[in-house]
N, C-alpha and C. Protein backbone atom coordinates (compact mmCIF):
# COMPACT_ATOMS: atom_id res chain seq x y z
N MET A 1 23.61 10.31 0.14
CA MET A 1 24.26 9.72 -0.99
C MET A 1 23.73 8.30 -1.20
N LEU A 2 23.42 7.97 -2.42
CA LEU A 2 22.92 6.64 -2.76
C LEU A 2 24.08 5.67 -2.91
N GLY A 3 23.81 4.41 -2.57
CA GLY A 3 24.82 3.37 -2.75
C GLY A 3 25.02 3.08 -4.24
N PRO A 4 26.00 2.26 -4.57
CA PRO A 4 26.33 2.00 -5.98
C PRO A 4 25.22 1.29 -6.76
N LEU A 5 24.33 0.59 -6.09
CA LEU A 5 23.26 -0.13 -6.79
C LEU A 5 21.92 0.58 -6.69
N ALA A 6 21.89 1.72 -6.00
CA ALA A 6 20.64 2.46 -5.80
C ALA A 6 20.50 3.55 -6.86
N SER A 7 19.26 3.89 -7.14
CA SER A 7 19.00 5.00 -8.05
C SER A 7 17.75 5.72 -7.59
N GLY A 8 17.61 6.95 -7.99
CA GLY A 8 16.44 7.74 -7.63
C GLY A 8 15.57 7.96 -8.86
N GLY A 9 14.34 8.33 -8.62
CA GLY A 9 13.44 8.60 -9.74
C GLY A 9 12.11 9.13 -9.23
N THR A 10 11.20 9.34 -10.14
CA THR A 10 9.87 9.82 -9.81
C THR A 10 9.01 8.65 -9.32
N ALA A 11 7.86 8.97 -8.77
CA ALA A 11 6.92 7.92 -8.37
C ALA A 11 6.50 7.09 -9.58
N GLN A 12 6.29 7.73 -10.70
CA GLN A 12 5.92 7.04 -11.94
C GLN A 12 7.02 6.06 -12.37
N GLU A 13 8.28 6.51 -12.31
CA GLU A 13 9.40 5.66 -12.70
C GLU A 13 9.56 4.48 -11.74
N ALA A 14 9.41 4.75 -10.44
CA ALA A 14 9.54 3.68 -9.44
C ALA A 14 8.44 2.63 -9.62
N ALA A 15 7.22 3.09 -9.86
CA ALA A 15 6.10 2.16 -10.06
C ALA A 15 6.31 1.32 -11.31
N ALA A 16 6.83 1.92 -12.35
CA ALA A 16 7.08 1.19 -13.60
C ALA A 16 8.21 0.18 -13.42
N PHE A 17 9.20 0.51 -12.62
CA PHE A 17 10.37 -0.34 -12.42
C PHE A 17 10.07 -1.56 -11.56
N GLY A 18 9.33 -1.38 -10.48
CA GLY A 18 9.16 -2.44 -9.49
C GLY A 18 8.15 -3.50 -9.87
N GLU A 19 8.44 -4.74 -9.49
CA GLU A 19 7.46 -5.83 -9.62
C GLU A 19 6.49 -5.79 -8.45
N VAL A 20 7.02 -5.41 -7.29
CA VAL A 20 6.24 -5.21 -6.07
C VAL A 20 6.51 -3.77 -5.65
N VAL A 21 5.44 -3.01 -5.40
CA VAL A 21 5.57 -1.58 -5.11
C VAL A 21 5.01 -1.30 -3.72
N LEU A 22 5.81 -0.66 -2.87
CA LEU A 22 5.38 -0.24 -1.54
C LEU A 22 4.98 1.22 -1.62
N ILE A 23 3.74 1.50 -1.22
CA ILE A 23 3.27 2.88 -1.19
C ILE A 23 3.07 3.29 0.26
N SER A 24 3.77 4.34 0.64
CA SER A 24 3.69 4.88 1.99
C SER A 24 3.69 6.39 1.90
N VAL A 25 2.51 6.96 1.79
CA VAL A 25 2.32 8.40 1.69
C VAL A 25 1.27 8.82 2.71
N PRO A 26 1.14 10.10 3.00
CA PRO A 26 0.03 10.52 3.86
C PRO A 26 -1.29 10.01 3.27
N TYR A 27 -2.17 9.52 4.12
CA TYR A 27 -3.39 8.87 3.66
C TYR A 27 -4.19 9.73 2.68
N ARG A 28 -4.25 11.02 2.94
CA ARG A 28 -5.02 11.92 2.07
C ARG A 28 -4.43 12.01 0.66
N ALA A 29 -3.17 11.62 0.48
CA ALA A 29 -2.52 11.67 -0.84
C ALA A 29 -2.72 10.38 -1.62
N LEU A 30 -3.25 9.35 -0.98
CA LEU A 30 -3.36 8.03 -1.61
C LEU A 30 -4.28 8.05 -2.84
N GLU A 31 -5.39 8.75 -2.78
CA GLU A 31 -6.31 8.76 -3.91
C GLU A 31 -5.65 9.34 -5.16
N ALA A 32 -5.03 10.51 -5.03
CA ALA A 32 -4.39 11.15 -6.19
C ALA A 32 -3.25 10.29 -6.73
N LEU A 33 -2.45 9.72 -5.84
CA LEU A 33 -1.34 8.88 -6.28
C LEU A 33 -1.85 7.62 -6.97
N GLY A 34 -2.86 7.00 -6.38
CA GLY A 34 -3.44 5.79 -6.97
C GLY A 34 -4.01 6.05 -8.35
N GLN A 35 -4.69 7.17 -8.52
CA GLN A 35 -5.24 7.50 -9.83
C GLN A 35 -4.13 7.78 -10.84
N ALA A 36 -3.08 8.48 -10.40
CA ALA A 36 -1.98 8.81 -11.29
C ALA A 36 -1.19 7.58 -11.73
N LEU A 37 -1.12 6.58 -10.85
CA LEU A 37 -0.30 5.40 -11.14
C LEU A 37 -1.12 4.17 -11.54
N GLN A 38 -2.42 4.31 -11.64
CA GLN A 38 -3.29 3.15 -11.87
C GLN A 38 -2.85 2.31 -13.05
N ALA A 39 -2.58 2.91 -14.18
CA ALA A 39 -2.23 2.14 -15.38
C ALA A 39 -0.91 1.40 -15.21
N VAL A 40 0.08 2.05 -14.62
CA VAL A 40 1.39 1.43 -14.48
C VAL A 40 1.41 0.36 -13.37
N LEU A 41 0.48 0.44 -12.41
CA LEU A 41 0.42 -0.55 -11.33
C LEU A 41 -0.43 -1.78 -11.68
N ALA A 42 -1.18 -1.70 -12.76
CA ALA A 42 -2.03 -2.84 -13.15
C ALA A 42 -1.18 -4.09 -13.32
N GLY A 43 -1.59 -5.17 -12.67
CA GLY A 43 -0.90 -6.44 -12.75
C GLY A 43 0.23 -6.60 -11.75
N LYS A 44 0.52 -5.57 -10.97
CA LYS A 44 1.60 -5.62 -9.99
C LYS A 44 1.04 -5.84 -8.59
N ILE A 45 1.91 -6.22 -7.68
CA ILE A 45 1.55 -6.32 -6.27
C ILE A 45 1.87 -4.97 -5.63
N VAL A 46 0.88 -4.39 -4.95
CA VAL A 46 1.07 -3.11 -4.27
C VAL A 46 0.89 -3.32 -2.78
N LEU A 47 1.90 -2.95 -2.01
CA LEU A 47 1.83 -2.99 -0.56
C LEU A 47 1.42 -1.60 -0.10
N ASP A 48 0.24 -1.49 0.49
CA ASP A 48 -0.33 -0.22 0.93
C ASP A 48 -0.01 -0.03 2.41
N ALA A 49 0.92 0.87 2.71
CA ALA A 49 1.30 1.14 4.10
C ALA A 49 0.70 2.46 4.59
N CYS A 50 -0.34 2.92 3.94
CA CYS A 50 -0.99 4.18 4.32
C CYS A 50 -2.10 3.88 5.32
N ASN A 51 -2.08 4.58 6.43
CA ASN A 51 -3.06 4.33 7.48
C ASN A 51 -3.75 5.63 7.88
N PRO A 52 -5.08 5.65 7.76
CA PRO A 52 -5.81 6.84 8.19
C PRO A 52 -5.82 6.92 9.72
N TYR A 53 -5.92 8.10 10.22
CA TYR A 53 -6.07 8.27 11.67
C TYR A 53 -7.28 9.14 11.91
N GLN A 54 -8.12 8.67 12.77
CA GLN A 54 -9.35 9.38 13.11
C GLN A 54 -9.68 9.02 14.55
N PRO A 55 -9.75 9.98 15.46
CA PRO A 55 -10.05 9.63 16.86
C PRO A 55 -11.43 8.99 17.03
N ASP A 56 -12.34 9.28 16.13
CA ASP A 56 -13.68 8.71 16.17
C ASP A 56 -13.67 7.39 15.39
N THR A 57 -13.80 6.27 16.08
CA THR A 57 -13.70 4.95 15.47
C THR A 57 -14.71 4.75 14.34
N ALA A 58 -15.95 5.18 14.53
CA ALA A 58 -16.97 5.02 13.49
C ALA A 58 -16.59 5.79 12.23
N ALA A 59 -16.07 7.01 12.40
CA ALA A 59 -15.64 7.81 11.25
C ALA A 59 -14.46 7.15 10.55
N LEU A 60 -13.57 6.56 11.31
CA LEU A 60 -12.42 5.87 10.74
C LEU A 60 -12.87 4.70 9.88
N ILE A 61 -13.79 3.91 10.36
CA ILE A 61 -14.30 2.77 9.60
C ILE A 61 -14.96 3.24 8.31
N ARG A 62 -15.76 4.30 8.39
CA ARG A 62 -16.40 4.83 7.18
C ARG A 62 -15.35 5.30 6.17
N GLU A 63 -14.29 5.97 6.66
CA GLU A 63 -13.25 6.47 5.77
C GLU A 63 -12.51 5.33 5.09
N ILE A 64 -12.18 4.29 5.84
CA ILE A 64 -11.47 3.14 5.27
C ILE A 64 -12.33 2.46 4.21
N GLU A 65 -13.61 2.27 4.51
CA GLU A 65 -14.50 1.62 3.55
C GLU A 65 -14.69 2.45 2.30
N ALA A 66 -14.72 3.77 2.42
CA ALA A 66 -14.96 4.65 1.29
C ALA A 66 -13.70 4.93 0.48
N CYS A 67 -12.54 4.79 1.09
CA CYS A 67 -11.29 5.22 0.45
C CYS A 67 -10.32 4.06 0.27
N SER A 68 -10.80 2.95 -0.15
CA SER A 68 -9.93 1.79 -0.33
C SER A 68 -8.99 1.98 -1.50
N ALA A 69 -7.73 1.61 -1.31
CA ALA A 69 -6.73 1.69 -2.39
C ALA A 69 -7.17 0.88 -3.60
N THR A 70 -7.99 -0.15 -3.39
CA THR A 70 -8.42 -0.98 -4.53
C THR A 70 -9.26 -0.18 -5.51
N ILE A 71 -9.91 0.87 -5.04
CA ILE A 71 -10.73 1.71 -5.92
C ILE A 71 -9.83 2.47 -6.89
N TRP A 72 -8.70 2.96 -6.40
CA TRP A 72 -7.84 3.83 -7.19
C TRP A 72 -6.76 3.08 -7.95
N MET A 73 -6.55 1.83 -7.64
CA MET A 73 -5.49 1.07 -8.30
C MET A 73 -6.05 -0.21 -8.90
N GLU A 74 -7.14 -0.08 -9.59
CA GLU A 74 -7.80 -1.22 -10.20
C GLU A 74 -6.82 -1.95 -11.11
N GLY A 75 -6.81 -3.26 -11.01
CA GLY A 75 -5.92 -4.08 -11.82
C GLY A 75 -4.67 -4.51 -11.07
N ALA A 76 -4.38 -3.84 -9.95
CA ALA A 76 -3.23 -4.21 -9.12
C ALA A 76 -3.72 -5.13 -8.00
N THR A 77 -2.84 -5.95 -7.48
CA THR A 77 -3.16 -6.78 -6.32
C THR A 77 -2.73 -5.99 -5.09
N ILE A 78 -3.69 -5.55 -4.29
CA ILE A 78 -3.41 -4.69 -3.13
C ILE A 78 -3.33 -5.53 -1.87
N ARG A 79 -2.30 -5.29 -1.09
CA ARG A 79 -2.15 -5.93 0.23
C ARG A 79 -1.86 -4.84 1.23
N LYS A 80 -2.62 -4.80 2.31
CA LYS A 80 -2.39 -3.82 3.36
C LYS A 80 -1.16 -4.24 4.14
N ALA A 81 -0.24 -3.29 4.37
CA ALA A 81 1.01 -3.59 5.07
C ALA A 81 1.19 -2.61 6.21
N LEU A 82 1.83 -3.10 7.24
CA LEU A 82 2.16 -2.28 8.40
C LEU A 82 0.94 -1.81 9.06
């Protein structure tokens, strides 16, 4: 049950509502979500709490460099969180 000041909505509605948006989804979902929300996130601060996991350190570094949230959320100010 939500408290009296809380409300629920879609990812699109939440992104449109917030001045600062925290994104915490499975890492593989970040690209699709970022592309879907790119226009609504432009000009906002986005806290990216998505972390890839790869037992091979070199592969992990390549994945992080290739899959940066900044690519999919152009126009937003991205800050890595957690």
